[in-house]
Protein backbone atom coordinates (compact mmCIF):
# COMPACT_ATOMS: atom_id res chain seq x y z
CA UNK A 1 -20.86 -7.00 37.63
CA UNK A 2 -19.55 -2.67 38.04
CA UNK A 3 -22.42 -0.55 36.53
CA UNK A 4 -20.37 2.76 36.56
CA UNK A 5 -23.22 5.80 36.39
CA UNK A 6 -23.37 7.25 33.17
CA UNK A 7 -24.16 10.71 34.81
CA UNK A 8 -22.22 13.82 34.39
CA UNK A 9 -21.57 15.16 37.57
CA UNK A 10 -18.40 17.38 36.54
CA UNK A 11 -20.36 20.74 37.18
CA UNK A 12 -20.16 19.66 40.83
CA UNK A 13 -16.43 19.08 40.54
CA UNK A 14 -15.84 22.96 40.92
CA UNK A 15 -13.23 24.21 43.49
CA UNK A 16 -16.30 26.48 45.03
CA UNK A 17 -18.85 23.14 44.72
CA UNK A 18 -16.21 20.35 46.41
CA UNK A 19 -15.27 23.04 49.12
CA UNK A 20 -18.69 23.19 50.49
CA UNK A 21 -19.47 19.59 50.12
CA UNK A 22 -16.33 17.64 51.01
CA UNK A 23 -14.46 18.40 54.51
CA UNK A 24 -11.85 15.84 54.72
CA UNK A 25 -9.82 15.34 57.85
CA UNK A 26 -7.49 12.53 58.28
CA UNK A 27 -7.45 9.07 60.90
CA UNK A 28 -4.41 10.77 63.51
CA UNK A 29 -5.09 7.30 65.75
CA UNK A 30 -2.30 5.01 66.85
CA UNK A 31 -3.75 1.94 66.00
CA UNK A 32 -7.09 0.22 64.36
CA UNK A 33 -9.66 -0.81 66.89
CA UNK A 34 -8.73 -4.50 67.95
CA UNK A 35 -12.57 -5.19 67.53
CA UNK A 36 -12.49 -4.45 63.45
CA UNK A 37 -10.24 -5.10 60.57
CA UNK A 38 -8.81 -2.00 58.46
CA UNK A 39 -8.59 -2.58 54.70
CA UNK A 40 -7.97 -0.62 51.84
CA UNK A 41 -9.92 -0.86 48.86
CA UNK A 42 -8.49 -0.07 45.36
CA UNK A 43 -10.40 2.31 43.26
CA UNK A 44 -10.15 3.88 40.00
CA UNK A 45 -6.44 5.70 39.46
CA UNK A 46 -4.22 3.54 41.58
CA UNK A 47 -5.62 5.55 44.79
CA UNK A 48 -7.17 3.37 47.67
CA UNK A 49 -9.66 4.37 50.54
CA UNK A 50 -9.87 3.12 53.92
CA UNK A 51 -12.43 0.91 55.47
CA UNK A 52 -13.29 -0.75 58.59
CA UNK A 53 -14.82 -4.23 58.70
CA UNK A 54 -16.79 -4.52 62.10
CA UNK A 55 -17.78 -8.22 61.80
CA UNK A 56 -18.41 -10.33 64.05
CA UNK A 57 -20.44 -13.29 63.25
CA UNK A 58 -20.79 -14.99 59.29
CA UNK A 59 -24.44 -15.41 60.15
CA UNK A 60 -25.18 -11.74 60.81
CA UNK A 61 -26.40 -9.61 58.37
CA UNK A 62 -24.26 -7.40 56.45
CA UNK A 63 -24.28 -3.17 56.47
CA UNK A 64 -22.31 -1.24 53.83
CA UNK A 65 -21.72 1.64 55.52
CA UNK A 66 -21.06 5.55 53.73
CA UNK A 67 -20.78 8.07 56.09
CA UNK A 68 -21.70 12.53 55.99
CA UNK A 69 -19.18 14.67 54.94
CA UNK A 70 -17.25 15.34 58.00
CA UNK A 71 -16.59 12.04 59.17
CA UNK A 72 -14.77 9.14 58.89
CA UNK A 73 -14.35 5.45 59.61
CA UNK A 74 -12.74 5.53 62.80
CA UNK A 75 -15.45 8.20 64.44
CA UNK A 76 -17.91 5.07 63.66
CA UNK A 77 -16.09 2.52 65.78
CA UNK A 78 -17.85 2.66 69.00
CA UNK A 79 -20.91 2.48 66.83
CA UNK A 80 -19.19 -0.72 65.26
CA UNK A 81 -19.48 -2.62 68.45
CA UNK A 82 -23.22 -1.47 68.81
CA UNK A 83 -24.18 -2.85 65.64
CA UNK A 84 -22.56 -6.05 66.53
CA UNK A 85 -24.17 -6.27 69.91
CA UNK A 86 -27.68 -6.07 67.63
CA UNK A 87 -26.08 -9.15 66.01
CA UNK A 88 -25.23 -6.89 62.62
CA UNK A 89 -21.48 -6.71 60.86
CA UNK A 90 -21.03 -3.41 59.97
CA UNK A 91 -18.65 -2.19 57.19
CA UNK A 92 -17.99 1.80 57.13
CA UNK A 93 -15.89 3.05 54.20
CA UNK A 94 -14.36 6.51 53.78
CA UNK A 95 -14.13 8.74 50.57
CA UNK A 96 -10.96 10.14 48.62
CA UNK A 97 -8.53 12.15 51.19
CA UNK A 98 -10.72 11.34 54.10
CA UNK A 99 -9.10 9.13 57.54
CA UNK A 100 -6.05 7.13 55.87
CA UNK A 101 -7.37 7.16 52.31
CA UNK A 102 -5.12 8.43 49.15
CA UNK A 103 -6.54 11.14 46.31
CA UNK A 104 -8.82 14.42 47.00
CA UNK A 105 -12.62 13.83 46.76
CA UNK A 106 -14.47 15.54 43.84
CA UNK A 107 -18.38 14.27 43.58
CA UNK A 108 -17.46 12.23 40.39
CA UNK A 109 -14.87 10.12 41.89
CA UNK A 110 -16.95 9.83 45.10
CA UNK A 111 -20.07 8.05 42.38
CA UNK A 112 -17.45 6.27 40.75
CA UNK A 113 -15.79 4.62 43.43
CA UNK A 114 -18.51 3.61 45.01
CA UNK A 115 -19.28 0.96 42.27
CA UNK A 116 -15.46 -0.26 42.77
CA UNK A 117 -16.18 -0.50 46.76
CA UNK A 118 -19.38 -2.44 46.79
CA UNK A 119 -17.92 -4.55 44.16
CA UNK A 120 -14.98 -5.32 46.91
CA UNK A 121 -16.56 -5.88 49.63
CA UNK A 122 -19.35 -7.90 48.08
CA UNK A 123 -16.33 -10.40 46.58
CA UNK A 124 -14.67 -10.24 49.93
CA UNK A 125 -18.01 -11.15 52.11
CA UNK A 126 -18.26 -13.92 49.45
CA UNK A 127 -14.47 -15.32 49.75
CA UNK A 128 -14.67 -14.98 53.52
CA UNK A 129 -18.12 -17.09 53.72
CA UNK A 130 -19.78 -14.23 54.98
CA UNK A 131 -23.22 -15.52 52.95
CA UNK A 132 -26.23 -13.12 54.95
CA UNK A 133 -27.59 -10.55 53.23
CA UNK A 134 -25.65 -7.61 52.13
CA UNK A 135 -27.82 -4.29 53.13
CA UNK A 136 -26.41 -1.13 51.98
CA UNK A 137 -26.79 2.11 54.30
CA UNK A 138 -26.08 6.07 53.65
CA UNK A 139 -25.99 8.85 56.34
CA UNK A 140 -26.34 12.29 54.56
CA UNK A 141 -23.90 13.11 52.21
CA UNK A 142 -23.12 8.98 51.82
CA UNK A 143 -27.19 8.54 51.11
CA UNK A 144 -25.90 10.02 47.27
CA UNK A 145 -23.75 6.55 46.65
CA UNK A 146 -26.02 4.29 48.73
CA UNK A 147 -29.28 5.11 46.68
CA UNK A 148 -26.62 4.98 43.45
CA UNK A 149 -25.57 1.24 44.55
CA UNK A 150 -29.00 0.22 45.21
CA UNK A 151 -30.44 1.70 41.98
CA UNK A 152 -28.13 -0.19 40.06
CA UNK A 153 -27.38 -3.72 41.99
CA UNK A 154 -30.53 -4.27 43.20
CA UNK A 155 -30.16 -8.66 42.56
CA UNK A 156 -27.10 -8.36 44.95
CA UNK A 157 -28.76 -5.64 47.58
CA UNK A 158 -31.11 -7.02 50.17
CA UNK A 159 -32.06 -3.85 52.35
CA UNK A 160 -31.23 -0.21 52.07
CA UNK A 161 -30.55 2.53 54.89
CA UNK A 162 -30.61 5.88 54.03
CA UNK A 163 -30.04 8.10 57.53
CA UNK A 164 -30.52 11.71 56.89
CA UNK A 165 -30.59 11.97 53.10
CA UNK A 166 -31.29 14.48 50.86
CA UNK A 167 -34.42 14.34 48.10
CA UNK A 168 -33.24 17.86 46.29
CA UNK A 169 -29.52 18.37 46.23
CA UNK A 170 -30.66 21.96 44.38
CA UNK A 171 -31.80 23.31 47.67
CA UNK A 172 -29.30 21.86 49.95
CA UNK A 173 -26.23 23.45 47.60
CA UNK A 174 -28.15 26.97 48.03
CA UNK A 175 -27.67 26.02 51.26
CA UNK A 176 -23.97 25.51 51.53
CA UNK A 177 -23.79 28.92 49.99
CA UNK A 178 -23.73 27.79 46.34
CA UNK A 179 -25.27 29.60 43.27
CA UNK A 180 -26.76 27.03 41.31
CA UNK A 181 -27.90 29.49 39.01
CA UNK A 182 -24.90 30.49 38.20
CA UNK A 183 -22.85 26.96 38.30
CA UNK A 184 -25.69 25.98 35.61
CA UNK A 185 -26.96 23.31 37.95
CA UNK A 186 -30.05 21.01 38.09
CA UNK A 187 -31.65 18.88 40.24
CA UNK A 188 -32.85 16.45 37.21
CA UNK A 189 -28.52 17.26 36.27
CA UNK A 190 -27.24 16.16 39.14
CA UNK A 191 -27.51 13.25 41.97
CA UNK A 192 -31.51 12.32 41.08
CA UNK A 193 -31.84 10.53 44.55
CA UNK A 194 -35.31 10.63 43.75
CA UNK A 195 -35.17 8.84 40.31
CA UNK A 196 -33.08 6.21 42.00
CA UNK A 197 -34.93 5.10 44.66
CA UNK A 198 -37.70 4.61 42.80
CA UNK A 199 -36.03 1.79 41.45
CA UNK A 200 -35.21 0.13 44.70
CA UNK A 201 -38.13 -2.20 45.76
CA UNK A 202 -36.26 -4.58 48.16
CA UNK A 203 -36.40 -3.60 52.07
CA UNK A 204 -36.22 0.15 52.84
CA UNK A 205 -35.95 1.81 55.82
CA UNK A 206 -35.70 5.75 55.90
CA UNK A 207 -34.07 7.50 59.24
CA UNK A 208 -34.41 11.14 59.61
CA UNK A 209 -34.11 13.88 62.26
CA UNK A 210 -37.91 16.15 62.94
CA UNK A 211 -35.41 19.09 63.23
CA UNK A 212 -32.67 18.47 60.56
CA UNK A 213 -31.56 22.19 59.90
CA UNK A 214 -29.37 21.15 56.88
CA UNK A 215 -31.17 18.48 55.42
CA UNK A 216 -35.18 19.00 55.95
CA UNK A 217 -37.30 16.52 57.42
CA UNK A 218 -39.30 16.85 54.09
CA UNK A 219 -36.86 15.25 52.04
CA UNK A 220 -36.71 11.75 53.71
CA UNK A 221 -40.38 12.14 53.93
CA UNK A 222 -40.31 12.16 49.83
CA UNK A 223 -37.75 9.68 49.97
CA UNK A 224 -39.82 7.34 51.50
CA UNK A 225 -42.82 8.23 49.70
CA UNK A 226 -40.66 7.92 46.37
CA UNK A 227 -39.34 4.10 47.59
CA UNK A 228 -41.93 1.37 45.83
CA UNK A 229 -41.03 -1.39 48.53
CA UNK A 230 -43.68 -3.02 49.89
CA UNK A 231 -41.25 -3.57 53.13
CA UNK A 232 -40.36 0.22 54.31
CA UNK A 233 -40.93 1.85 57.03
CA UNK A 234 -39.91 6.43 57.91
CA UNK A 235 -38.73 6.65 61.42
CA UNK A 236 -38.75 9.76 62.69
CA UNK A 237 -36.46 10.80 65.23
CA UNK A 238 -38.30 13.40 67.51
CA UNK A 239 -36.27 16.55 68.79
CA UNK A 240 -33.35 15.46 66.90
CA UNK A 241 -30.97 17.92 64.61
CA UNK A 242 -28.86 16.96 61.82
CA UNK A 243 -26.11 15.67 63.84
CA UNK A 244 -27.47 14.32 67.20
CA UNK A 245 -29.53 11.13 65.94
CA UNK A 246 -27.49 8.89 68.13
CA UNK A 247 -28.04 10.83 71.14
CA UNK A 248 -31.42 11.50 70.73
CA UNK A 249 -33.03 8.03 70.20
CA UNK A 250 -29.94 5.22 69.70
CA UNK A 251 -32.02 2.60 70.92
CA UNK A 252 -35.42 3.65 68.55
CA UNK A 253 -32.50 3.79 65.35
CA UNK A 254 -31.33 0.36 66.00
CA UNK A 255 -34.08 -1.46 66.61
CA UNK A 256 -35.52 0.41 63.21
CA UNK A 257 -32.15 -1.18 61.25
CA UNK A 258 -32.56 -4.67 63.20
CA UNK A 259 -35.87 -4.45 61.63
CA UNK A 260 -34.92 -3.85 58.71
CA UNK A 261 -32.59 -6.45 58.65
CA UNK A 262 -34.46 -9.47 59.84
CA UNK A 263 -37.21 -8.22 56.73
CA UNK A 264 -34.05 -9.35 54.34
CA UNK A 265 -33.81 -12.54 55.81
């Protein structure tokens, strides 16, 4: 089932780029959240990445979630409970070097590992009789993983959610202080998020902050316009910035996610 990407991301694995893109930190919590299952997912090179499965009911839609570059899965314990209250199972996963995961993060590893993660989650849900629709969701950096999977597993993914996602990597790298010309990076040689979303026609939700200072709202609009899905929605969170979407309009956010999940049934 695994369809590993043939895109060469090695230009982004330079130390100066990795320091700008990834901000891993360990998970120092003493015990896992009582309402979640902590699972370590095997990936390549003998490494494993941590995850927490907030699964409340086998009949709830399942959301595989890839977080942003400075977050870890335990940051979403409270959100997991909120998702469950909206009758949604919530499965956030880490990257190498994040939380309790082993290894060190690179772009190449992240973009390959997401295929192993998807394969594991898909099989785990099936083996444990969680047969409701599977949706993939990515926030900020995690949008690259979500779109990579949506592009490659259209028959197995019933819905896509992109929160604060980037359409154009070059401008984002420049904002992070990377001289893209010096390293020979061009958008067509990178993540190609716009190309990937053009291949996904299942229900899609784009969530973006109106005042996002890292990834502008225009990126979210570009992804929305590029998506060919008949059932799609662009949710603009007014007055919100990149990191305060939940605080600005958590109810509107969750209602939009719930609407999308309903479209997948």
